[in-house]
Amino acid sequence: MSTASGPSHEAPEPVPGVGDGSQTLERGLAVLLQLGRHPEGLTLSQVATAAGLHRSITRRLLVSLDRTGFATKDSGGRYRVGPTAAELGAVAQPRLRETAGPVLHVLAREVGATACLVEASGEAAVTTVVAEPPTDGPRFSYRLGSRDPLDRGAGGLAVLASGPPLPREPERIAAIREAGYVTTYAELNPGAYGIAAPLPGWGVRAAIYVVTAQPEVVDTAIEPVLQAVREIGAERSA
């Protein structure tokens, strides 16, 4: 004898509640957020205080963030945002490169020299956009992805000056920030003159950089470089 059965019902999917998710992930993101808010770097104790976490928990999180490149620790024991997080920021904010490209091509034609956009990635100034002048003559060229030190060369120095003032930063960086540009000679490549200007306010430390072998270009390129910075900044504000 068969018996009738009522309609079958699938069990409803659980509704996410307050207790769902990963507490460790949320804590790690909180630590990363505090590092992003303090480009001057934070000690372990400062990170723990800023994120509202126990010191031992903060230490474990920082070890993981450092190992994966999301944070970096300097010789003084201060933690900063690492190159992996910077790369994600570049992917999330491609507008700077898109905006800078056309401006750099105009700049390269005007000054007759290679013009670049450089951005901070860890302890390096990385070339992310390159514009070459329309000439067959000899010139210094930079390839995409070139990595230079942040502490010497016009591009790296201007990148450092694009951020807010930091405790104990070199006087040279403060002077560049005040002047709005920097010129160098042979700090990275023999015979190369560099002219660079900081690009503040884009969420990543960046600068416009012109490199040339012709000393007469140095003075004539300063105003065009500053004009390029103003044009790119105007697009950010639009």
C-alpha atoms as a PDB file:
ATOM      1  CA  MET A   1       0.000   0.000   0.000  1.00  0.00           C
ATOM      2  CA  SER A   2       1.375   3.313  -0.968  1.00  0.00           C
ATOM      3  CA  THR A   3       1.127   6.342   1.187  1.00  0.00           C
ATOM      4  CA  ALA A   4       0.885   9.875  -0.048  1.00  0.00           C
ATOM      5  CA  SER A   5       3.669  12.211   0.830  1.00  0.00           C
ATOM      6  CA  GLY A   6       3.629  15.949   0.940  1.00  0.00           C
ATOM      7  CA  PRO A   7       5.695  18.150  -1.390  1.00  0.00           C
ATOM      8  CA  SER A   8       9.422  18.031  -0.789  1.00  0.00           C
ATOM      9  CA  HIS A   9      11.179  21.231   0.224  1.00  0.00           C
ATOM     10  CA  GLU A  10      14.873  21.996  -0.176  1.00  0.00           C
ATOM     11  CA  ALA A  11      16.560  23.333   2.905  1.00  0.00           C
ATOM     12  CA  PRO A  12      17.050  27.093   2.589  1.00  0.00           C
ATOM     13  CA  GLU A  13      20.580  28.389   2.290  1.00  0.00           C
ATOM     14  CA  PRO A  14      21.823  29.908   5.507  1.00  0.00           C
ATOM     15  CA  VAL A  15      21.757  33.658   5.643  1.00  0.00           C
ATOM     16  CA  PRO A  16      25.147  35.165   6.394  1.00  0.00           C
ATOM     17  CA  GLY A  17      25.254  36.544   9.872  1.00  0.00           C
ATOM     18  CA  VAL A  18      27.492  38.720  11.930  1.00  0.00           C
ATOM     19  CA  GLY A  19      29.643  35.758  12.946  1.00  0.00           C
ATOM     20  CA  ASP A  20      30.365  34.631   9.383  1.00  0.00           C
ATOM     21  CA  GLY A  21      33.546  35.443   7.492  1.00  0.00           C
ATOM     22  CA  SER A  22      37.196  35.315   8.496  1.00  0.00           C
ATOM     23  CA  GLN A  23      38.238  37.222  11.554  1.00  0.00           C
ATOM     24  CA  THR A  24      41.907  36.720  10.660  1.00  0.00           C
ATOM     25  CA  LEU A  25      41.371  38.209   7.207  1.00  0.00           C
ATOM     26  CA  GLU A  26      39.510  41.174   8.664  1.00  0.00           C
ATOM     27  CA  ARG A  27      42.315  41.776  11.156  1.00  0.00           C
ATOM     28  CA  GLY A  28      44.930  41.519   8.413  1.00  0.00           C
ATOM     29  CA  LEU A  29      43.062  44.064   6.316  1.00  0.00           C
ATOM     30  CA  ALA A  30      42.806  46.365   9.332  1.00  0.00           C
ATOM     31  CA  VAL A  31      46.588  46.187   9.751  1.00  0.00           C
ATOM     32  CA  LEU A  32      47.140  46.834   6.044  1.00  0.00           C
ATOM     33  CA  LEU A  33      44.771  49.816   6.195  1.00  0.00           C
ATOM     34  CA  GLN A  34      46.774  51.360   9.037  1.00  0.00           C
ATOM     35  CA  LEU A  35      50.028  50.884   7.119  1.00  0.00           C
ATOM     36  CA  GLY A  36      48.454  52.675   4.173  1.00  0.00           C
ATOM     37  CA  ARG A  37      47.473  55.575   6.411  1.00  0.00           C
ATOM     38  CA  HIS A  38      51.032  55.948   7.738  1.00  0.00           C
ATOM     39  CA  PRO A  39      53.492  56.068   4.808  1.00  0.00           C
ATOM     40  CA  GLU A  40      56.258  57.029   7.257  1.00  0.00           C
ATOM     41  CA  GLY A  41      56.048  53.483   8.622  1.00  0.00           C
ATOM     42  CA  LEU A  42      54.936  52.031  11.961  1.00  0.00           C
ATOM     43  CA  THR A  43      56.631  49.863  14.551  1.00  0.00           C
ATOM     44  CA  LEU A  44      55.001  46.644  15.705  1.00  0.00           C
ATOM     45  CA  SER A  45      53.637  48.345  18.820  1.00  0.00           C
ATOM     46  CA  GLN A  46      52.301  51.280  16.796  1.00  0.00           C
ATOM     47  CA  VAL A  47      50.536  48.954  14.356  1.00  0.00           C
ATOM     48  CA  ALA A  48      48.950  47.049  17.234  1.00  0.00           C
ATOM     49  CA  THR A  49      47.719  50.262  18.849  1.00  0.00           C
ATOM     50  CA  ALA A  50      46.440  51.753  15.586  1.00  0.00           C
ATOM     51  CA  ALA A  51      44.577  48.571  14.613  1.00  0.00           C
ATOM     52  CA  GLY A  52      43.325  47.873  18.143  1.00  0.00           C
ATOM     53  CA  LEU A  53      44.888  44.407  18.257  1.00  0.00           C
ATOM     54  CA  HIS A  54      47.005  42.457  20.717  1.00  0.00           C
ATOM     55  CA  ARG A  55      50.731  42.673  20.062  1.00  0.00           C
ATOM     56  CA  SER A  56      51.159  38.902  19.527  1.00  0.00           C
ATOM     57  CA  ILE A  57      48.289  38.787  17.021  1.00  0.00           C
ATOM     58  CA  THR A  58      49.704  41.817  15.213  1.00  0.00           C
ATOM     59  CA  ARG A  59      53.129  40.193  15.001  1.00  0.00           C
ATOM     60  CA  ARG A  60      51.696  37.068  13.326  1.00  0.00           C
ATOM     61  CA  LEU A  61      49.698  39.161  10.874  1.00  0.00           C
ATOM     62  CA  LEU A  62      52.711  41.280   9.962  1.00  0.00           C
ATOM     63  CA  VAL A  63      54.833  38.172   9.386  1.00  0.00           C
ATOM     64  CA  SER A  64      52.227  36.899   6.904  1.00  0.00           C
ATOM     65  CA  LEU A  65      51.842  40.283   5.223  1.00  0.00           C
ATOM     66  CA  ASP A  66      55.612  40.649   4.909  1.00  0.00           C
ATOM     67  CA  ARG A  67      56.019  37.119   3.532  1.00  0.00           C
ATOM     68  CA  THR A  68      53.420  37.756   0.822  1.00  0.00           C
ATOM     69  CA  GLY A  69      54.697  41.220  -0.078  1.00  0.00           C
ATOM     70  CA  PHE A  70      51.694  43.138   1.239  1.00  0.00           C
ATOM     71  CA  ALA A  71      53.925  44.719   3.890  1.00  0.00           C
ATOM     72  CA  THR A  72      57.647  45.361   4.100  1.00  0.00           C
ATOM     73  CA  LYS A  73      59.921  45.834   7.114  1.00  0.00           C
ATOM     74  CA  ASP A  74      62.913  48.174   6.963  1.00  0.00           C
ATOM     75  CA  SER A  75      66.203  47.911   8.838  1.00  0.00           C
ATOM     76  CA  GLY A  76      64.818  50.134  11.594  1.00  0.00           C
ATOM     77  CA  GLY A  77      61.950  47.751  12.327  1.00  0.00           C
ATOM     78  CA  ARG A  78      59.222  49.925  10.779  1.00  0.00           C
ATOM     79  CA  TYR A  79      56.539  48.393   8.595  1.00  0.00           C
ATOM     80  CA  ARG A  80      55.139  49.935   5.421  1.00  0.00           C
ATOM     81  CA  VAL A  81      52.831  48.902   2.603  1.00  0.00           C
ATOM     82  CA  GLY A  82      54.688  46.407   0.416  1.00  0.00           C
ATOM     83  CA  PRO A  83      55.052  45.997  -3.354  1.00  0.00           C
ATOM     84  CA  THR A  84      52.209  43.472  -3.709  1.00  0.00           C
ATOM     85  CA  ALA A  85      49.702  45.937  -2.272  1.00  0.00           C
ATOM     86  CA  ALA A  86      51.170  48.671  -4.473  1.00  0.00           C
ATOM     87  CA  GLU A  87      50.684  46.495  -7.549  1.00  0.00           C
ATOM     88  CA  LEU A  88      47.046  45.918  -6.588  1.00  0.00           C
ATOM     89  CA  GLY A  89      46.630  49.660  -6.179  1.00  0.00           C
ATOM     90  CA  ALA A  90      48.020  50.197  -9.659  1.00  0.00           C
ATOM     91  CA  VAL A  91      45.521  47.695 -11.082  1.00  0.00           C
ATOM     92  CA  ALA A  92      42.668  49.292  -9.192  1.00  0.00           C
ATOM     93  CA  GLN A  93      43.654  52.804 -10.285  1.00  0.00           C
ATOM     94  CA  PRO A  94      44.750  52.661 -13.935  1.00  0.00           C
ATOM     95  CA  ARG A  95      43.442  56.192 -14.501  1.00  0.00           C
ATOM     96  CA  LEU A  96      46.786  57.808 -13.621  1.00  0.00           C
ATOM     97  CA  ARG A  97      48.606  55.971 -16.407  1.00  0.00           C
ATOM     98  CA  GLU A  98      45.789  56.546 -18.872  1.00  0.00           C
ATOM     99  CA  THR A  99      45.806  60.251 -18.025  1.00  0.00           C
ATOM    100  CA  ALA A 100      49.580  60.610 -18.082  1.00  0.00           C
ATOM    101  CA  GLY A 101      50.143  58.869 -21.434  1.00  0.00           C
ATOM    102  CA  PRO A 102      48.910  61.623 -23.817  1.00  0.00           C
ATOM    103  CA  VAL A 103      50.461  64.366 -21.665  1.00  0.00           C
ATOM    104  CA  LEU A 104      53.830  62.618 -21.702  1.00  0.00           C
ATOM    105  CA  HIS A 105      53.794  62.283 -25.496  1.00  0.00           C
ATOM    106  CA  VAL A 106      53.221  66.047 -25.825  1.00  0.00           C
ATOM    107  CA  LEU A 107      55.984  66.669 -23.268  1.00  0.00           C
ATOM    108  CA  ALA A 108      58.471  64.408 -25.080  1.00  0.00           C
ATOM    109  CA  ARG A 109      57.857  66.227 -28.365  1.00  0.00           C
ATOM    110  CA  GLU A 110      58.156  69.642 -26.740  1.00  0.00           C
ATOM    111  CA  VAL A 111      61.444  69.033 -24.930  1.00  0.00           C
ATOM    112  CA  GLY A 112      62.940  66.576 -27.431  1.00  0.00           C
ATOM    113  CA  ALA A 113      63.720  63.971 -24.768  1.00  0.00           C
ATOM    114  CA  THR A 114      62.270  60.799 -23.247  1.00  0.00           C
ATOM    115  CA  ALA A 115      59.455  61.467 -20.763  1.00  0.00           C
ATOM    116  CA  CYS A 116      58.292  58.878 -18.231  1.00  0.00           C
ATOM    117  CA  LEU A 117      55.826  58.235 -15.462  1.00  0.00           C
ATOM    118  CA  VAL A 118      57.514  56.581 -12.497  1.00  0.00           C
ATOM    119  CA  GLU A 119      55.747  55.059  -9.496  1.00  0.00           C
ATOM    120  CA  ALA A 120      56.921  53.695  -6.169  1.00  0.00           C
ATOM    121  CA  SER A 121      56.909  49.918  -5.780  1.00  0.00           C
ATOM    122  CA  GLY A 122      58.520  48.805  -2.556  1.00  0.00           C
ATOM    123  CA  GLU A 123      61.965  50.419  -2.428  1.00  0.00           C
ATOM    124  CA  ALA A 124      62.140  51.119  -6.182  1.00  0.00           C
ATOM    125  CA  ALA A 125      60.926  53.751  -8.631  1.00  0.00           C
ATOM    126  CA  VAL A 126      59.330  51.771 -11.465  1.00  0.00           C
ATOM    127  CA  THR A 127      58.785  53.192 -14.958  1.00  0.00           C
ATOM    128  CA  THR A 128      55.136  52.582 -15.874  1.00  0.00           C
ATOM    129  CA  VAL A 129      54.638  54.843 -18.938  1.00  0.00           C
ATOM    130  CA  VAL A 130      57.263  55.891 -21.517  1.00  0.00           C
ATOM    131  CA  ALA A 131      56.986  58.502 -24.298  1.00  0.00           C
ATOM    132  CA  GLU A 132      59.813  58.930 -26.796  1.00  0.00           C
ATOM    133  CA  PRO A 133      60.408  62.100 -28.851  1.00  0.00           C
ATOM    134  CA  PRO A 134      59.876  61.848 -32.634  1.00  0.00           C
ATOM    135  CA  THR A 135      63.566  62.032 -33.529  1.00  0.00           C
ATOM    136  CA  ASP A 136      66.194  59.627 -34.784  1.00  0.00           C
ATOM    137  CA  GLY A 137      68.998  61.373 -32.929  1.00  0.00           C
ATOM    138  CA  PRO A 138      70.841  59.905 -29.924  1.00  0.00           C
ATOM    139  CA  ARG A 139      68.917  59.931 -26.686  1.00  0.00           C
ATOM    140  CA  PHE A 140      68.521  58.176 -23.372  1.00  0.00           C
ATOM    141  CA  SER A 141      65.624  55.731 -23.415  1.00  0.00           C
ATOM    142  CA  TYR A 142      63.809  53.984 -20.601  1.00  0.00           C
ATOM    143  CA  ARG A 143      61.946  50.731 -20.983  1.00  0.00           C
ATOM    144  CA  LEU A 144      58.685  49.914 -19.264  1.00  0.00           C
ATOM    145  CA  GLY A 145      59.275  48.237 -15.936  1.00  0.00           C
ATOM    146  CA  SER A 146      62.711  49.771 -15.358  1.00  0.00           C
ATOM    147  CA  ARG A 147      63.482  49.853 -11.641  1.00  0.00           C
ATOM    148  CA  ASP A 148      65.674  52.558 -10.104  1.00  0.00           C
ATOM    149  CA  PRO A 149      66.499  53.410  -6.483  1.00  0.00           C
ATOM    150  CA  LEU A 150      64.205  55.812  -4.691  1.00  0.00           C
ATOM    151  CA  ASP A 151      67.028  57.639  -2.945  1.00  0.00           C
ATOM    152  CA  ARG A 152      68.951  58.871  -5.997  1.00  0.00           C
ATOM    153  CA  GLY A 153      68.168  59.979  -9.512  1.00  0.00           C
ATOM    154  CA  ALA A 154      65.578  62.634 -10.327  1.00  0.00           C
ATOM    155  CA  GLY A 155      62.722  60.180 -10.828  1.00  0.00           C
ATOM    156  CA  GLY A 156      63.091  58.355  -7.509  1.00  0.00           C
ATOM    157  CA  LEU A 157      63.690  61.524  -5.520  1.00  0.00           C
ATOM    158  CA  ALA A 158      60.583  63.189  -6.992  1.00  0.00           C
ATOM    159  CA  VAL A 159      58.566  60.051  -6.231  1.00  0.00           C
ATOM    160  CA  LEU A 160      59.597  60.315  -2.571  1.00  0.00           C
ATOM    161  CA  ALA A 161      58.680  64.005  -2.559  1.00  0.00           C
ATOM    162  CA  SER A 162      55.189  63.224  -3.903  1.00  0.00           C
ATOM    163  CA  GLY A 163      54.154  61.835  -0.523  1.00  0.00           C
ATOM    164  CA  PRO A 164      53.498  63.712   2.717  1.00  0.00           C
ATOM    165  CA  PRO A 165      56.446  64.847   4.869  1.00  0.00           C
ATOM    166  CA  LEU A 166      57.929  62.026   6.934  1.00  0.00           C
ATOM    167  CA  PRO A 167      59.777  62.148  10.244  1.00  0.00           C
ATOM    168  CA  ARG A 168      63.541  62.369   9.746  1.00  0.00           C
ATOM    169  CA  GLU A 169      63.264  62.508   5.960  1.00  0.00           C
ATOM    170  CA  PRO A 170      66.334  63.914   4.159  1.00  0.00           C
ATOM    171  CA  GLU A 171      66.389  67.686   3.736  1.00  0.00           C
ATOM    172  CA  ARG A 172      66.791  67.117   0.004  1.00  0.00           C
ATOM    173  CA  ILE A 173      63.335  65.533  -0.239  1.00  0.00           C
ATOM    174  CA  ALA A 174      61.711  68.399   1.675  1.00  0.00           C
ATOM    175  CA  ALA A 175      63.439  70.888  -0.638  1.00  0.00           C
ATOM    176  CA  ILE A 176      62.169  69.048  -3.721  1.00  0.00           C
ATOM    177  CA  ARG A 177      58.629  69.045  -2.346  1.00  0.00           C
ATOM    178  CA  GLU A 178      58.845  72.808  -1.748  1.00  0.00           C
ATOM    179  CA  ALA A 179      60.388  73.609  -5.141  1.00  0.00           C
ATOM    180  CA  GLY A 180      58.088  71.258  -7.052  1.00  0.00           C
ATOM    181  CA  TYR A 181      60.881  69.692  -9.108  1.00  0.00           C
ATOM    182  CA  VAL A 182      64.445  68.340  -9.012  1.00  0.00           C
ATOM    183  CA  THR A 183      67.326  68.198 -11.483  1.00  0.00           C
ATOM    184  CA  THR A 184      70.207  65.717 -11.313  1.00  0.00           C
ATOM    185  CA  TYR A 185      73.284  64.761 -13.291  1.00  0.00           C
ATOM    186  CA  ALA A 186      74.824  61.288 -13.644  1.00  0.00           C
ATOM    187  CA  GLU A 187      73.285  59.910 -10.435  1.00  0.00           C
ATOM    188  CA  LEU A 188      72.089  56.751 -12.199  1.00  0.00           C
ATOM    189  CA  ASN A 189      73.622  56.802 -15.687  1.00  0.00           C
ATOM    190  CA  PRO A 190      76.879  58.457 -16.770  1.00  0.00           C
ATOM    191  CA  GLY A 191      76.209  61.578 -18.823  1.00  0.00           C
ATOM    192  CA  ALA A 192      72.458  61.611 -18.095  1.00  0.00           C
ATOM    193  CA  TYR A 193      70.599  64.707 -16.942  1.00  0.00           C
ATOM    194  CA  GLY A 194      67.312  64.183 -15.134  1.00  0.00           C
ATOM    195  CA  ILE A 195      64.408  66.552 -14.531  1.00  0.00           C
ATOM    196  CA  ALA A 196      61.477  65.301 -12.468  1.00  0.00           C
ATOM    197  CA  ALA A 197      58.452  66.666 -10.629  1.00  0.00           C
ATOM    198  CA  PRO A 198      56.284  64.972  -7.973  1.00  0.00           C
ATOM    199  CA  LEU A 199      52.706  63.935  -8.817  1.00  0.00           C
ATOM    200  CA  PRO A 200      50.844  64.079  -5.478  1.00  0.00           C
ATOM    201  CA  GLY A 201      47.294  63.035  -4.748  1.00  0.00           C
ATOM    202  CA  TRP A 202      46.891  59.913  -6.907  1.00  0.00           C
ATOM    203  CA  GLY A 203      46.921  57.300  -4.150  1.00  0.00           C
ATOM    204  CA  VAL A 204      50.377  56.122  -5.232  1.00  0.00           C
ATOM    205  CA  ARG A 205      53.707  57.926  -4.975  1.00  0.00           C
ATOM    206  CA  ALA A 206      54.533  59.006  -8.520  1.00  0.00           C
ATOM    207  CA  ALA A 207      56.428  61.562 -10.592  1.00  0.00           C
ATOM    208  CA  ILE A 208      56.978  62.843 -14.126  1.00  0.00           C
ATOM    209  CA  TYR A 209      60.569  62.254 -15.243  1.00  0.00           C
ATOM    210  CA  VAL A 210      62.513  63.536 -18.257  1.00  0.00           C
ATOM    211  CA  VAL A 211      65.973  62.150 -19.035  1.00  0.00           C
ATOM    212  CA  THR A 212      68.396  63.628 -21.566  1.00  0.00           C
ATOM    213  CA  ALA A 213      72.066  63.753 -22.549  1.00  0.00           C
ATOM    214  CA  GLN A 214      71.828  67.422 -23.520  1.00  0.00           C
ATOM    215  CA  PRO A 215      72.567  69.869 -20.685  1.00  0.00           C
ATOM    216  CA  GLU A 216      70.725  72.719 -22.418  1.00  0.00           C
ATOM    217  CA  VAL A 217      67.478  70.743 -22.080  1.00  0.00           C
ATOM    218  CA  VAL A 218      67.643  70.897 -18.279  1.00  0.00           C
ATOM    219  CA  ASP A 219      66.573  74.527 -17.926  1.00  0.00           C
ATOM    220  CA  THR A 220      64.176  74.574 -20.870  1.00  0.00           C
ATOM    221  CA  ALA A 221      62.360  71.416 -19.713  1.00  0.00           C
ATOM    222  CA  ILE A 222      61.524  72.561 -16.188  1.00  0.00           C
ATOM    223  CA  GLU A 223      58.445  74.603 -17.057  1.00  0.00           C
ATOM    224  CA  PRO A 224      57.066  72.012 -19.551  1.00  0.00           C
ATOM    225  CA  VAL A 225      57.465  69.325 -16.874  1.00  0.00           C
ATOM    226  CA  LEU A 226      55.626  71.464 -14.310  1.00  0.00           C
ATOM    227  CA  GLN A 227      52.908  72.167 -16.880  1.00  0.00           C
ATOM    228  CA  ALA A 228      52.521  68.421 -17.460  1.00  0.00           C
ATOM    229  CA  VAL A 229      52.079  67.929 -13.713  1.00  0.00           C
ATOM    230  CA  ARG A 230      49.377  70.613 -13.662  1.00  0.00           C
ATOM    231  CA  GLU A 231      47.540  69.025 -16.589  1.00  0.00           C
ATOM    232  CA  ILE A 232      47.587  65.573 -15.029  1.00  0.00           C
ATOM    233  CA  GLY A 233      46.489  67.030 -11.685  1.00  0.00           C
ATOM    234  CA  ALA A 234      43.587  68.828 -13.377  1.00  0.00           C
ATOM    235  CA  GLU A 235      42.353  65.500 -14.740  1.00  0.00           C
ATOM    236  CA  ARG A 236      42.457  64.019 -11.234  1.00  0.00           C
ATOM    237  CA  SER A 237      40.266  66.825  -9.957  1.00  0.00           C
ATOM    238  CA  ALA A 238      37.817  66.617 -12.884  1.00  0.00           C
END
